[in-house]
Protein backbone atom coordinates (compact mmCIF):
# COMPACT_ATOMS: atom_id res chain seq x y z
CA UNK A 1 -6.56 105.70 -13.35
CA UNK A 2 -5.49 102.44 -14.93
CA UNK A 3 -5.24 102.48 -18.73
CA UNK A 4 -3.94 98.95 -19.21
CA UNK A 5 -6.03 96.04 -18.00
CA UNK A 6 -4.59 92.62 -17.28
CA UNK A 7 -5.87 89.93 -19.63
CA UNK A 8 -5.44 86.23 -18.96
CA UNK A 9 -5.75 84.19 -22.13
CA UNK A 10 -6.76 80.58 -22.07
CA UNK A 11 -5.55 78.16 -24.68
CA UNK A 12 -7.18 74.79 -25.11
CA UNK A 13 -4.22 72.50 -25.83
CA UNK A 14 -6.56 69.60 -26.60
CA UNK A 15 -7.97 71.48 -29.61
CA UNK A 16 -6.37 70.13 -32.84
CA UNK A 17 -6.69 73.58 -34.43
CA UNK A 18 -4.47 75.08 -31.73
CA UNK A 19 -2.16 72.14 -31.04
CA UNK A 20 -1.44 69.80 -33.99
CA UNK A 21 -0.25 67.07 -31.63
CA UNK A 22 -3.75 66.87 -30.13
CA UNK A 23 -4.70 64.68 -33.10
CA UNK A 24 -2.66 61.90 -31.48
CA UNK A 25 -4.64 61.73 -28.24
CA UNK A 26 -4.85 57.92 -28.38
CA UNK A 27 -2.91 55.13 -30.04
CA UNK A 28 -5.92 54.37 -32.22
CA UNK A 29 -5.99 57.91 -33.62
CA UNK A 30 -2.26 57.74 -34.31
CA UNK A 31 -2.70 54.39 -36.06
CA UNK A 32 -5.57 55.76 -38.14
CA UNK A 33 -3.42 58.64 -39.35
CA UNK A 34 -0.16 56.79 -40.00
CA UNK A 35 -1.49 53.52 -41.48
CA UNK A 36 -2.82 54.88 -44.79
CA UNK A 37 0.34 56.90 -45.28
CA UNK A 38 2.52 53.84 -44.73
CA UNK A 39 0.35 51.73 -47.06
CA UNK A 40 0.77 54.26 -49.87
CA UNK A 41 4.52 54.50 -49.27
CA UNK A 42 4.82 50.70 -49.26
CA UNK A 43 2.83 50.45 -52.49
CA UNK A 44 5.01 53.04 -54.21
CA UNK A 45 8.17 51.36 -52.95
CA UNK A 46 6.92 47.97 -54.19
CA UNK A 47 6.13 49.44 -57.59
CA UNK A 48 9.57 51.01 -57.86
CA UNK A 49 11.29 47.77 -56.82
CA UNK A 50 9.23 45.76 -59.32
CA UNK A 51 10.14 48.21 -62.08
CA UNK A 52 13.80 48.07 -61.10
CA UNK A 53 13.73 44.26 -61.08
CA UNK A 54 12.01 44.21 -64.47
CA UNK A 55 14.60 46.60 -65.87
CA UNK A 56 17.41 44.40 -64.53
CA UNK A 57 15.71 41.37 -66.06
CA UNK A 58 15.37 43.02 -69.47
CA UNK A 59 18.99 44.20 -69.46
CA UNK A 60 20.46 40.92 -68.17
CA UNK A 61 21.53 39.85 -71.68
CA UNK A 62 20.91 36.20 -70.84
CA UNK A 63 23.41 36.18 -67.95
CA UNK A 64 22.04 33.66 -65.40
CA UNK A 65 23.46 35.57 -62.42
CA UNK A 66 21.79 38.83 -63.47
CA UNK A 67 18.51 37.04 -64.16
CA UNK A 68 18.60 35.46 -60.68
CA UNK A 69 19.30 38.85 -59.06
CA UNK A 70 16.46 40.46 -60.99
CA UNK A 71 14.04 37.71 -60.05
CA UNK A 72 15.05 37.89 -56.40
CA UNK A 73 14.52 41.67 -56.43
CA UNK A 74 11.00 41.22 -57.74
CA UNK A 75 10.25 38.40 -55.28
CA UNK A 76 11.48 40.47 -52.34
CA UNK A 77 9.26 43.34 -53.45
CA UNK A 78 6.21 41.09 -53.54
CA UNK A 79 7.09 39.52 -50.17
CA UNK A 80 7.53 43.00 -48.67
CA UNK A 81 4.12 44.08 -49.92
CA UNK A 82 2.62 40.89 -48.51
CA UNK A 83 4.17 41.67 -45.09
CA UNK A 84 2.76 45.19 -45.15
CA UNK A 85 -0.74 43.95 -45.99
CA UNK A 86 -0.44 41.20 -43.36
CA UNK A 87 0.58 43.75 -40.71
CA UNK A 88 -2.44 45.88 -41.63
CA UNK A 89 -4.72 42.87 -41.23
CA UNK A 90 -3.12 41.94 -37.91
CA UNK A 91 -3.60 45.51 -36.70
CA UNK A 92 -7.27 45.34 -37.63
CA UNK A 93 -7.68 42.00 -35.84
CA UNK A 94 -6.01 43.34 -32.66
CA UNK A 95 -8.24 46.42 -32.83
CA UNK A 96 -11.30 44.19 -33.14
CA UNK A 97 -10.23 41.99 -30.22
CA UNK A 98 -9.62 44.97 -27.90
CA UNK A 99 -12.64 46.85 -29.26
CA UNK A 100 -10.64 49.85 -30.41
CA UNK A 101 -12.56 52.15 -32.74
CA UNK A 102 -10.47 52.10 -35.94
CA UNK A 103 -12.46 53.44 -38.89
CA UNK A 104 -9.99 52.23 -41.51
C-alpha cells in the first residue's frame, strides 16, 4: 500500500505573477516600464540642479566667476532635460516606424 503519491507540479514561467522577469518579454514592454521611471528621475534631477544653480547664483556675492558657474549649472540642467525629452521623442518615432506597440 502506497501512502505517498508522486506529484509533479507545473510552473508557468511566462506568468508575471510567478516570474517577475516575465514582464520583460519584449523590448517594447521593457521600454514601456523603464521610460516613465527615467523621465521622473530626470525631472527630479533637473529640478535639483536648477535649485542648486539658483542657490549658487544667490550666494555668489557679485563674484563674476561664481555667477558664471551658477549660470552654467542651470544651463546644463536645462540642456540635460532637453536631451531626455528628445530621446523620448526619438524612441516614439522609432517605435512608430517599426510598428512597435508602445502605449506611452
